[in-house]
């Protein structure tokens, strides 16, 4: 996101992995859940939180550590699969990967 006027400035350009933002598309975002309850008084988030009371519960959120770990785990596997094939990693050819085979 490029902004003008420093923190809290007007958003002039928004990107999604180098592509222009599509306001009709759905995006996954990470937001501290207390923002929906009024922390920092960000009115659009407070209004959204009031309209969606299910956001107030603790069960609707993925802890940040798990989200970051899952993201990077997928990234590592994708990178491995672009340089190696499953067959090359599965040394004994049994169709499963052991710790020894992926080290």
PDB file of N, CA and C in Angstrom:
ATOM      1  N   UNK A   1       0.851  -1.174   0.000  1.00  0.00           N
ATOM      2  CA  UNK A   1       0.000   0.000   0.000  1.00  0.00           C
ATOM      3  C   UNK A   1       0.889   1.226   0.000  1.00  0.00           C
ATOM      4  N   UNK A   2       0.656   2.117  -0.913  1.00  0.00           N
ATOM      5  CA  UNK A   2       1.358   3.393  -0.932  1.00  0.00           C
ATOM      6  C   UNK A   2       0.420   4.428  -0.354  1.00  0.00           C
ATOM      7  N   UNK A   3       0.928   5.249   0.570  1.00  0.00           N
ATOM      8  CA  UNK A   3       0.093   6.287   1.159  1.00  0.00           C
ATOM      9  C   UNK A   3       0.724   7.641   0.938  1.00  0.00           C
ATOM     10  N   UNK A   4      -0.081   8.634   1.087  1.00  0.00           N
ATOM     11  CA  UNK A   4       0.376  10.004   0.955  1.00  0.00           C
ATOM     12  C   UNK A   4       0.070  10.707   2.264  1.00  0.00           C
ATOM     13  N   UNK A   5       1.017  11.430   2.795  1.00  0.00           N
ATOM     14  CA  UNK A   5       0.769  12.179   4.018  1.00  0.00           C
ATOM     15  C   UNK A   5       1.165  11.436   5.285  1.00  0.00           C
ATOM     16  N   UNK A   6       2.023  10.396   5.176  1.00  0.00           N
ATOM     17  CA  UNK A   6       2.493   9.691   6.354  1.00  0.00           C
ATOM     18  C   UNK A   6       1.433   8.767   6.928  1.00  0.00           C
ATOM     19  N   UNK A   7       1.653   8.350   8.166  1.00  0.00           N
ATOM     20  CA  UNK A   7       0.731   7.433   8.823  1.00  0.00           C
ATOM     21  C   UNK A   7      -0.662   8.032   8.866  1.00  0.00           C
ATOM     22  N   UNK A   8      -1.625   7.256   8.427  1.00  0.00           N
ATOM     23  CA  UNK A   8      -2.998   7.740   8.419  1.00  0.00           C
ATOM     24  C   UNK A   8      -3.329   8.589   7.212  1.00  0.00           C
ATOM     25  N   UNK A   9      -2.405   8.652   6.238  1.00  0.00           N
ATOM     26  CA  UNK A   9      -2.648   9.447   5.037  1.00  0.00           C
ATOM     27  C   UNK A   9      -3.674   8.782   4.136  1.00  0.00           C
ATOM     28  N   UNK A  10      -3.965   9.426   3.034  1.00  0.00           N
ATOM     29  CA  UNK A  10      -4.915   8.885   2.070  1.00  0.00           C
ATOM     30  C   UNK A  10      -4.260   7.766   1.277  1.00  0.00           C
ATOM     31  N   UNK A  11      -4.975   6.673   1.117  1.00  0.00           N
ATOM     32  CA  UNK A  11      -4.451   5.585   0.303  1.00  0.00           C
ATOM     33  C   UNK A  11      -4.607   5.975  -1.163  1.00  0.00           C
ATOM     34  N   UNK A  12      -3.504   5.948  -1.880  1.00  0.00           N
ATOM     35  CA  UNK A  12      -3.587   6.315  -3.292  1.00  0.00           C
ATOM     36  C   UNK A  12      -3.403   5.101  -4.201  1.00  0.00           C
ATOM     37  N   UNK A  13      -2.699   4.067  -3.748  1.00  0.00           N
ATOM     38  CA  UNK A  13      -2.523   2.855  -4.530  1.00  0.00           C
ATOM     39  C   UNK A  13      -2.493   1.677  -3.571  1.00  0.00           C
ATOM     40  N   UNK A  14      -3.137   0.605  -3.954  1.00  0.00           N
ATOM     41  CA  UNK A  14      -3.130  -0.609  -3.151  1.00  0.00           C
ATOM     42  C   UNK A  14      -2.801  -1.768  -4.070  1.00  0.00           C
ATOM     43  N   UNK A  15      -1.933  -2.672  -3.621  1.00  0.00           N
ATOM     44  CA  UNK A  15      -1.489  -3.784  -4.446  1.00  0.00           C
ATOM     45  C   UNK A  15      -1.675  -5.105  -3.728  1.00  0.00           C
ATOM     46  N   UNK A  16      -1.890  -6.154  -4.506  1.00  0.00           N
ATOM     47  CA  UNK A  16      -1.971  -7.521  -4.025  1.00  0.00           C
ATOM     48  C   UNK A  16      -0.948  -8.313  -4.821  1.00  0.00           C
ATOM     49  N   UNK A  17       0.213  -8.550  -4.230  1.00  0.00           N
ATOM     50  CA  UNK A  17       1.290  -9.265  -4.926  1.00  0.00           C
ATOM     51  C   UNK A  17       1.589  -8.655  -6.295  1.00  0.00           C
ATOM     52  N   UNK A  18       1.628  -7.336  -6.356  1.00  0.00           N
ATOM     53  CA  UNK A  18       1.951  -6.649  -7.594  1.00  0.00           C
ATOM     54  C   UNK A  18       0.757  -6.375  -8.485  1.00  0.00           C
ATOM     55  N   UNK A  19      -0.407  -6.927  -8.144  1.00  0.00           N
ATOM     56  CA  UNK A  19      -1.621  -6.681  -8.937  1.00  0.00           C
ATOM     57  C   UNK A  19      -2.419  -5.578  -8.262  1.00  0.00           C
ATOM     58  N   UNK A  20      -3.113  -4.759  -9.050  1.00  0.00           N
ATOM     59  CA  UNK A  20      -3.958  -3.722  -8.441  1.00  0.00           C
ATOM     60  C   UNK A  20      -5.036  -4.343  -7.553  1.00  0.00           C
ATOM     61  N   UNK A  21      -5.375  -3.657  -6.508  1.00  0.00           N
ATOM     62  CA  UNK A  21      -6.420  -4.088  -5.589  1.00  0.00           C
ATOM     63  C   UNK A  21      -7.757  -4.144  -6.316  1.00  0.00           C
ATOM     64  N   UNK A  22      -8.511  -5.216  -6.113  1.00  0.00           N
ATOM     65  CA  UNK A  22      -9.836  -5.371  -6.708  1.00  0.00           C
ATOM     66  C   UNK A  22     -10.864  -5.257  -5.585  1.00  0.00           C
ATOM     67  N   UNK A  23     -11.640  -4.177  -5.531  1.00  0.00           N
ATOM     68  CA  UNK A  23     -12.602  -3.994  -4.434  1.00  0.00           C
ATOM     69  C   UNK A  23     -13.721  -5.026  -4.441  1.00  0.00           C
ATOM     70  N   UNK A  24     -13.875  -5.780  -5.524  1.00  0.00           N
ATOM     71  CA  UNK A  24     -14.907  -6.816  -5.591  1.00  0.00           C
ATOM     72  C   UNK A  24     -14.390  -8.191  -5.180  1.00  0.00           C
ATOM     73  N   UNK A  25     -13.103  -8.295  -4.901  1.00  0.00           N
ATOM     74  CA  UNK A  25     -12.474  -9.553  -4.523  1.00  0.00           C
ATOM     75  C   UNK A  25     -12.465  -9.687  -3.002  1.00  0.00           C
ATOM     76  N   UNK A  26     -12.419 -10.924  -2.498  1.00  0.00           N
ATOM     77  CA  UNK A  26     -12.275 -11.174  -1.068  1.00  0.00           C
ATOM     78  C   UNK A  26     -10.806 -11.444  -0.777  1.00  0.00           C
ATOM     79  N   UNK A  27     -10.298 -10.862   0.313  1.00  0.00           N
ATOM     80  CA  UNK A  27      -8.908 -11.028   0.701  1.00  0.00           C
ATOM     81  C   UNK A  27      -8.833 -11.499   2.148  1.00  0.00           C
ATOM     82  N   UNK A  28      -7.856 -12.340   2.441  1.00  0.00           N
ATOM     83  CA  UNK A  28      -7.578 -12.710   3.820  1.00  0.00           C
ATOM     84  C   UNK A  28      -6.607 -11.686   4.380  1.00  0.00           C
ATOM     85  N   UNK A  29      -6.919 -11.167   5.550  1.00  0.00           N
ATOM     86  CA  UNK A  29      -6.049 -10.191   6.188  1.00  0.00           C
ATOM     87  C   UNK A  29      -5.865 -10.558   7.650  1.00  0.00           C
ATOM     88  N   UNK A  30      -4.778 -10.122   8.215  1.00  0.00           N
ATOM     89  CA  UNK A  30      -4.519 -10.326   9.639  1.00  0.00           C
ATOM     90  C   UNK A  30      -4.776  -9.018  10.363  1.00  0.00           C
ATOM     91  N   UNK A  31      -5.678  -9.064  11.325  1.00  0.00           N
ATOM     92  CA  UNK A  31      -6.050  -7.869  12.077  1.00  0.00           C
ATOM     93  C   UNK A  31      -6.172  -8.256  13.549  1.00  0.00           C
ATOM     94  N   UNK A  32      -5.550  -7.517  14.459  1.00  0.00           N
ATOM     95  CA  UNK A  32      -5.777  -7.806  15.879  1.00  0.00           C
ATOM     96  C   UNK A  32      -7.268  -7.705  16.193  1.00  0.00           C
ATOM     97  N   UNK A  33      -7.819  -8.747  16.801  1.00  0.00           N
ATOM     98  CA  UNK A  33      -9.272  -8.795  16.994  1.00  0.00           C
ATOM     99  C   UNK A  33      -9.803  -7.675  17.874  1.00  0.00           C
ATOM    100  N   UNK A  34      -8.975  -7.103  18.732  1.00  0.00           N
ATOM    101  CA  UNK A  34      -9.483  -6.026  19.588  1.00  0.00           C
ATOM    102  C   UNK A  34      -9.762  -4.739  18.812  1.00  0.00           C
ATOM    103  N   UNK A  35      -9.307  -4.645  17.566  1.00  0.00           N
ATOM    104  CA  UNK A  35      -9.645  -3.478  16.743  1.00  0.00           C
ATOM    105  C   UNK A  35     -11.142  -3.443  16.448  1.00  0.00           C
ATOM    106  N   UNK A  36     -11.772  -4.630  16.341  1.00  0.00           N
ATOM    107  CA  UNK A  36     -13.215  -4.685  16.094  1.00  0.00           C
ATOM    108  C   UNK A  36     -14.015  -4.294  17.334  1.00  0.00           C
ATOM    109  N   UNK A  37     -13.359  -4.348  18.490  1.00  0.00           N
ATOM    110  CA  UNK A  37     -14.028  -4.000  19.747  1.00  0.00           C
ATOM    111  C   UNK A  37     -13.797  -2.541  20.141  1.00  0.00           C
ATOM    112  N   UNK A  38     -13.060  -1.784  19.324  1.00  0.00           N
ATOM    113  CA  UNK A  38     -12.896  -0.368  19.594  1.00  0.00           C
ATOM    114  C   UNK A  38     -11.494   0.087  19.905  1.00  0.00           C
ATOM    115  N   UNK A  39     -10.531  -0.835  20.025  1.00  0.00           N
ATOM    116  CA  UNK A  39      -9.156  -0.439  20.288  1.00  0.00           C
ATOM    117  C   UNK A  39      -8.674   0.466  19.164  1.00  0.00           C
ATOM    118  N   UNK A  40      -8.076   1.550  19.481  1.00  0.00           N
ATOM    119  CA  UNK A  40      -7.571   2.582  18.563  1.00  0.00           C
ATOM    120  C   UNK A  40      -8.684   3.375  17.880  1.00  0.00           C
ATOM    121  N   UNK A  41      -9.919   3.087  18.190  1.00  0.00           N
ATOM    122  CA  UNK A  41     -11.069   3.836  17.661  1.00  0.00           C
ATOM    123  C   UNK A  41     -11.041   3.996  16.147  1.00  0.00           C
ATOM    124  N   UNK A  42     -10.753   2.917  15.436  1.00  0.00           N
ATOM    125  CA  UNK A  42     -10.775   2.956  13.976  1.00  0.00           C
ATOM    126  C   UNK A  42     -12.215   2.679  13.565  1.00  0.00           C
ATOM    127  N   UNK A  43     -12.935   3.751  13.250  1.00  0.00           N
ATOM    128  CA  UNK A  43     -14.385   3.692  13.084  1.00  0.00           C
ATOM    129  C   UNK A  43     -14.878   2.615  12.112  1.00  0.00           C
ATOM    130  N   UNK A  44     -14.283   2.458  10.924  1.00  0.00           N
ATOM    131  CA  UNK A  44     -14.805   1.410  10.033  1.00  0.00           C
ATOM    132  C   UNK A  44     -14.713   0.014  10.646  1.00  0.00           C
ATOM    133  N   UNK A  45     -13.635  -0.265  11.402  1.00  0.00           N
ATOM    134  CA  UNK A  45     -13.494  -1.580  12.029  1.00  0.00           C
ATOM    135  C   UNK A  45     -14.459  -1.740  13.200  1.00  0.00           C
ATOM    136  N   UNK A  46     -14.664  -0.679  13.973  1.00  0.00           N
ATOM    137  CA  UNK A  46     -15.619  -0.733  15.085  1.00  0.00           C
ATOM    138  C   UNK A  46     -17.025  -0.961  14.543  1.00  0.00           C
ATOM    139  N   UNK A  47     -17.394  -0.245  13.505  1.00  0.00           N
ATOM    140  CA  UNK A  47     -18.714  -0.403  12.892  1.00  0.00           C
ATOM    141  C   UNK A  47     -18.889  -1.818  12.360  1.00  0.00           C
ATOM    142  N   UNK A  48     -17.861  -2.328  11.709  1.00  0.00           N
ATOM    143  CA  UNK A  48     -17.926  -3.697  11.186  1.00  0.00           C
ATOM    144  C   UNK A  48     -18.063  -4.697  12.337  1.00  0.00           C
ATOM    145  N   UNK A  49     -17.285  -4.486  13.411  1.00  0.00           N
ATOM    146  CA  UNK A  49     -17.368  -5.359  14.579  1.00  0.00           C
ATOM    147  C   UNK A  49     -18.738  -5.345  15.228  1.00  0.00           C
ATOM    148  N   UNK A  50     -19.360  -4.176  15.287  1.00  0.00           N
ATOM    149  CA  UNK A  50     -20.714  -4.075  15.850  1.00  0.00           C
ATOM    150  C   UNK A  50     -21.727  -4.811  14.984  1.00  0.00           C
ATOM    151  N   UNK A  51     -21.529  -4.775  13.668  1.00  0.00           N
ATOM    152  CA  UNK A  51     -22.443  -5.444  12.746  1.00  0.00           C
ATOM    153  C   UNK A  51     -22.217  -6.955  12.707  1.00  0.00           C
ATOM    154  N   UNK A  52     -21.053  -7.394  13.191  1.00  0.00           N
ATOM    155  CA  UNK A  52     -20.701  -8.821  13.173  1.00  0.00           C
ATOM    156  C   UNK A  52     -20.252  -9.254  14.566  1.00  0.00           C
ATOM    157  N   UNK A  53     -21.193  -9.436  15.499  1.00  0.00           N
ATOM    158  CA  UNK A  53     -20.825  -9.778  16.878  1.00  0.00           C
ATOM    159  C   UNK A  53     -20.082 -11.106  17.005  1.00  0.00           C
ATOM    160  N   UNK A  54     -20.183 -11.967  16.009  1.00  0.00           N
ATOM    161  CA  UNK A  54     -19.457 -13.241  16.068  1.00  0.00           C
ATOM    162  C   UNK A  54     -17.942 -13.034  16.086  1.00  0.00           C
ATOM    163  N   UNK A  55     -17.478 -11.842  15.701  1.00  0.00           N
ATOM    164  CA  UNK A  55     -16.047 -11.549  15.724  1.00  0.00           C
ATOM    165  C   UNK A  55     -15.514 -11.372  17.139  1.00  0.00           C
ATOM    166  N   UNK A  56     -16.399 -11.157  18.087  1.00  0.00           N
ATOM    167  CA  UNK A  56     -15.967 -10.898  19.457  1.00  0.00           C
ATOM    168  C   UNK A  56     -15.457 -12.161  20.158  1.00  0.00           C
ATOM    169  N   UNK A  57     -15.893 -13.345  19.717  1.00  0.00           N
ATOM    170  CA  UNK A  57     -15.474 -14.589  20.365  1.00  0.00           C
ATOM    171  C   UNK A  57     -14.033 -14.935  20.062  1.00  0.00           C
ATOM    172  N   UNK A  58     -13.445 -15.717  20.930  1.00  0.00           N
ATOM    173  CA  UNK A  58     -12.049 -16.121  20.758  1.00  0.00           C
ATOM    174  C   UNK A  58     -11.893 -17.272  19.774  1.00  0.00           C
ATOM    175  N   UNK A  59     -12.954 -18.008  19.491  1.00  0.00           N
ATOM    176  CA  UNK A  59     -12.849 -19.191  18.647  1.00  0.00           C
ATOM    177  C   UNK A  59     -12.745 -18.871  17.166  1.00  0.00           C
ATOM    178  N   UNK A  60     -13.042 -17.661  16.777  1.00  0.00           N
ATOM    179  CA  UNK A  60     -13.043 -17.314  15.367  1.00  0.00           C
ATOM    180  C   UNK A  60     -11.696 -16.861  14.843  1.00  0.00           C
ATOM    181  N   UNK A  61     -10.644 -16.987  15.633  1.00  0.00           N
ATOM    182  CA  UNK A  61      -9.344 -16.448  15.248  1.00  0.00           C
ATOM    183  C   UNK A  61      -8.266 -17.513  15.288  1.00  0.00           C
ATOM    184  N   UNK A  62      -7.328 -17.367  14.408  1.00  0.00           N
ATOM    185  CA  UNK A  62      -6.157 -18.225  14.399  1.00  0.00           C
ATOM    186  C   UNK A  62      -5.041 -17.459  15.101  1.00  0.00           C
ATOM    187  N   UNK A  63      -4.421 -18.045  16.130  1.00  0.00           N
ATOM    188  CA  UNK A  63      -3.304 -17.339  16.769  1.00  0.00           C
ATOM    189  C   UNK A  63      -2.231 -16.982  15.740  1.00  0.00           C
ATOM    190  N   UNK A  64      -1.653 -15.815  15.900  1.00  0.00           N
ATOM    191  CA  UNK A  64      -0.698 -15.285  14.927  1.00  0.00           C
ATOM    192  C   UNK A  64       0.452 -16.253  14.674  1.00  0.00           C
ATOM    193  N   UNK A  65       0.967 -16.880  15.726  1.00  0.00           N
ATOM    194  CA  UNK A  65       2.097 -17.793  15.542  1.00  0.00           C
ATOM    195  C   UNK A  65       1.720 -18.928  14.597  1.00  0.00           C
ATOM    196  N   UNK A  66       0.525 -19.503  14.773  1.00  0.00           N
ATOM    197  CA  UNK A  66       0.084 -20.591  13.904  1.00  0.00           C
ATOM    198  C   UNK A  66      -0.069 -20.118  12.464  1.00  0.00           C
ATOM    199  N   UNK A  67      -0.585 -18.913  12.280  1.00  0.00           N
ATOM    200  CA  UNK A  67      -0.783 -18.383  10.937  1.00  0.00           C
ATOM    201  C   UNK A  67       0.565 -18.162  10.241  1.00  0.00           C
ATOM    202  N   UNK A  68       1.518 -17.594  10.951  1.00  0.00           N
ATOM    203  CA  UNK A  68       2.838 -17.349  10.367  1.00  0.00           C
ATOM    204  C   UNK A  68       3.536 -18.673  10.078  1.00  0.00           C
ATOM    205  N   UNK A  69       3.456 -19.618  10.999  1.00  0.00           N
ATOM    206  CA  UNK A  69       4.079 -20.927  10.806  1.00  0.00           C
ATOM    207  C   UNK A  69       3.473 -21.641   9.600  1.00  0.00           C
ATOM    208  N   UNK A  70       2.153 -21.620   9.462  1.00  0.00           N
ATOM    209  CA  UNK A  70       1.499 -22.262   8.322  1.00  0.00           C
ATOM    210  C   UNK A  70       1.913 -21.596   7.011  1.00  0.00           C
ATOM    211  N   UNK A  71       1.972 -20.269   7.006  1.00  0.00           N
ATOM    212  CA  UNK A  71       2.365 -19.540   5.792  1.00  0.00           C
ATOM    213  C   UNK A  71       3.762 -19.943   5.343  1.00  0.00           C
ATOM    214  N   UNK A  72       4.712 -19.910   6.267  1.00  0.00           N
ATOM    215  CA  UNK A  72       6.087 -20.216   5.888  1.00  0.00           C
ATOM    216  C   UNK A  72       6.291 -21.694   5.609  1.00  0.00           C
ATOM    217  N   UNK A  73       5.545 -22.559   6.263  1.00  0.00           N
ATOM    218  CA  UNK A  73       5.628 -23.992   5.960  1.00  0.00           C
ATOM    219  C   UNK A  73       5.197 -24.250   4.528  1.00  0.00           C
ATOM    220  N   UNK A  74       4.086 -23.643   4.112  1.00  0.00           N
ATOM    221  CA  UNK A  74       3.631 -23.797   2.728  1.00  0.00           C
ATOM    222  C   UNK A  74       4.671 -23.251   1.761  1.00  0.00           C
ATOM    223  N   UNK A  75       5.269 -22.111   2.123  1.00  0.00           N
ATOM    224  CA  UNK A  75       6.284 -21.498   1.274  1.00  0.00           C
ATOM    225  C   UNK A  75       7.485 -22.442   1.104  1.00  0.00           C
ATOM    226  N   UNK A  76       7.930 -23.052   2.191  1.00  0.00           N
ATOM    227  CA  UNK A  76       9.078 -23.964   2.128  1.00  0.00           C
ATOM    228  C   UNK A  76       8.741 -25.170   1.258  1.00  0.00           C
ATOM    229  N   UNK A  77       7.567 -25.753   1.440  1.00  0.00           N
ATOM    230  CA  UNK A  77       7.179 -26.915   0.635  1.00  0.00           C
ATOM    231  C   UNK A  77       7.067 -26.549  -0.847  1.00  0.00           C
ATOM    232  N   UNK A  78       6.490 -25.397  -1.147  1.00  0.00           N
ATOM    233  CA  UNK A  78       6.396 -24.989  -2.553  1.00  0.00           C
ATOM    234  C   UNK A  78       7.782 -24.820  -3.173  1.00  0.00           C
ATOM    235  N   UNK A  79       8.680 -24.220  -2.386  1.00  0.00           N
ATOM    236  CA  UNK A  79      10.040 -24.023  -2.882  1.00  0.00           C
ATOM    237  C   UNK A  79      10.737 -25.366  -3.098  1.00  0.00           C
ATOM    238  N   UNK A  80      10.532 -26.291  -2.174  1.00  0.00           N
ATOM    239  CA  UNK A  80      11.116 -27.624  -2.332  1.00  0.00           C
ATOM    240  C   UNK A  80      10.588 -28.307  -3.590  1.00  0.00           C
ATOM    241  N   UNK A  81       9.292 -28.190  -3.811  1.00  0.00           N
ATOM    242  CA  UNK A  81       8.685 -28.889  -4.942  1.00  0.00           C
ATOM    243  C   UNK A  81       9.048 -28.264  -6.291  1.00  0.00           C
ATOM    244  N   UNK A  82       9.511 -27.009  -6.292  1.00  0.00           N
ATOM    245  CA  UNK A  82       9.945 -26.418  -7.561  1.00  0.00           C
ATOM    246  C   UNK A  82      11.368 -26.835  -7.899  1.00  0.00           C
ATOM    247  N   UNK A  83      12.147 -27.250  -6.900  1.00  0.00           N
ATOM    248  CA  UNK A  83      13.525 -27.674  -7.151  1.00  0.00           C
ATOM    249  C   UNK A  83      13.667 -29.184  -7.116  1.00  0.00           C
ATOM    250  N   UNK A  84      12.765 -29.846  -6.420  1.00  0.00           N
ATOM    251  CA  UNK A  84      12.806 -31.301  -6.303  1.00  0.00           C
ATOM    252  C   UNK A  84      11.446 -31.876  -6.644  1.00  0.00           C
ATOM    253  N   UNK A  85      11.414 -33.131  -6.970  1.00  0.00           N
ATOM    254  CA  UNK A  85      10.130 -33.802  -7.139  1.00  0.00           C
ATOM    255  C   UNK A  85       9.891 -34.682  -5.914  1.00  0.00           C
ATOM    256  N   UNK A  86       8.652 -35.042  -5.689  1.00  0.00           N
ATOM    257  CA  UNK A  86       8.319 -35.925  -4.566  1.00  0.00           C
ATOM    258  C   UNK A  86       9.115 -37.226  -4.687  1.00  0.00           C
ATOM    259  N   UNK A  87       9.218 -37.725  -5.897  1.00  0.00           N
ATOM    260  CA  UNK A  87       9.928 -38.988  -6.118  1.00  0.00           C
ATOM    261  C   UNK A  87      11.404 -38.887  -5.721  1.00  0.00           C
ATOM    262  N   UNK A  88      12.018 -37.734  -5.950  1.00  0.00           N
ATOM    263  CA  UNK A  88      13.423 -37.564  -5.565  1.00  0.00           C
ATOM    264  C   UNK A  88      13.585 -37.510  -4.046  1.00  0.00           C
ATOM    265  N   UNK A  89      12.607 -36.925  -3.363  1.00  0.00           N
ATOM    266  CA  UNK A  89      12.685 -36.828  -1.903  1.00  0.00           C
ATOM    267  C   UNK A  89      12.348 -38.172  -1.259  1.00  0.00           C
ATOM    268  N   UNK A  90      11.375 -38.892  -1.807  1.00  0.00           N
ATOM    269  CA  UNK A  90      10.937 -40.187  -1.277  1.00  0.00           C
ATOM    270  C   UNK A  90      11.947 -41.258  -1.683  1.00  0.00           C
ATOM    271  N   UNK A  91      13.067 -41.286  -0.974  1.00  0.00           N
ATOM    272  CA  UNK A  91      14.206 -42.113  -1.355  1.00  0.00           C
ATOM    273  C   UNK A  91      13.854 -43.596  -1.427  1.00  0.00           C
ATOM    274  N   UNK A  92      13.092 -44.096  -0.459  1.00  0.00           N
ATOM    275  CA  UNK A  92      12.775 -45.527  -0.467  1.00  0.00           C
ATOM    276  C   UNK A  92      11.576 -45.879  -1.356  1.00  0.00           C
ATOM    277  N   UNK A  93      10.923 -44.853  -1.941  1.00  0.00           N
ATOM    278  CA  UNK A  93       9.842 -45.091  -2.886  1.00  0.00           C
ATOM    279  C   UNK A  93       8.570 -45.664  -2.300  1.00  0.00           C
ATOM    280  N   UNK A  94       8.356 -45.472  -0.982  1.00  0.00           N
ATOM    281  CA  UNK A  94       7.160 -46.058  -0.357  1.00  0.00           C
ATOM    282  C   UNK A  94       5.937 -45.139  -0.398  1.00  0.00           C
ATOM    283  N   UNK A  95       6.071 -43.946  -0.998  1.00  0.00           N
ATOM    284  CA  UNK A  95       4.935 -43.032  -1.114  1.00  0.00           C
ATOM    285  C   UNK A  95       4.715 -42.141   0.091  1.00  0.00           C
ATOM    286  N   UNK A  96       5.566 -42.236   1.098  1.00  0.00           N
ATOM    287  CA  UNK A  96       5.501 -41.345   2.268  1.00  0.00           C
ATOM    288  C   UNK A  96       6.894 -40.781   2.526  1.00  0.00           C
ATOM    289  N   UNK A  97       6.911 -39.625   3.184  1.00  0.00           N
ATOM    290  CA  UNK A  97       8.190 -39.004   3.505  1.00  0.00           C
ATOM    291  C   UNK A  97       8.491 -39.178   4.983  1.00  0.00           C
ATOM    292  N   UNK A  98       9.707 -39.589   5.277  1.00  0.00           N
ATOM    293  CA  UNK A  98      10.154 -39.701   6.660  1.00  0.00           C
ATOM    294  C   UNK A  98      11.018 -38.490   6.995  1.00  0.00           C
ATOM    295  N   UNK A  99      11.279 -38.313   8.272  1.00  0.00           N
ATOM    296  CA  UNK A  99      12.150 -37.202   8.689  1.00  0.00           C
ATOM    297  C   UNK A  99      13.519 -37.322   8.025  1.00  0.00           C
ATOM    298  N   UNK A 100      14.018 -38.518   7.950  1.00  0.00           N
ATOM    299  CA  UNK A 100      15.336 -38.729   7.371  1.00  0.00           C
ATOM    300  C   UNK A 100      15.362 -38.333   5.900  1.00  0.00           C
ATOM    301  N   UNK A 101      14.259 -38.598   5.166  1.00  0.00           N
ATOM    302  CA  UNK A 101      14.224 -38.286   3.737  1.00  0.00           C
ATOM    303  C   UNK A 101      14.155 -36.783   3.460  1.00  0.00           C
ATOM    304  N   UNK A 102      13.571 -36.019   4.370  1.00  0.00           N
ATOM    305  CA  UNK A 102      13.440 -34.577   4.100  1.00  0.00           C
ATOM    306  C   UNK A 102      14.521 -33.737   4.758  1.00  0.00           C
ATOM    307  N   UNK A 103      15.443 -34.370   5.463  1.00  0.00           N
ATOM    308  CA  UNK A 103      16.525 -33.592   6.090  1.00  0.00           C
ATOM    309  C   UNK A 103      17.621 -33.304   5.104  1.00  0.00           C
TER     310      UNK A 103
END
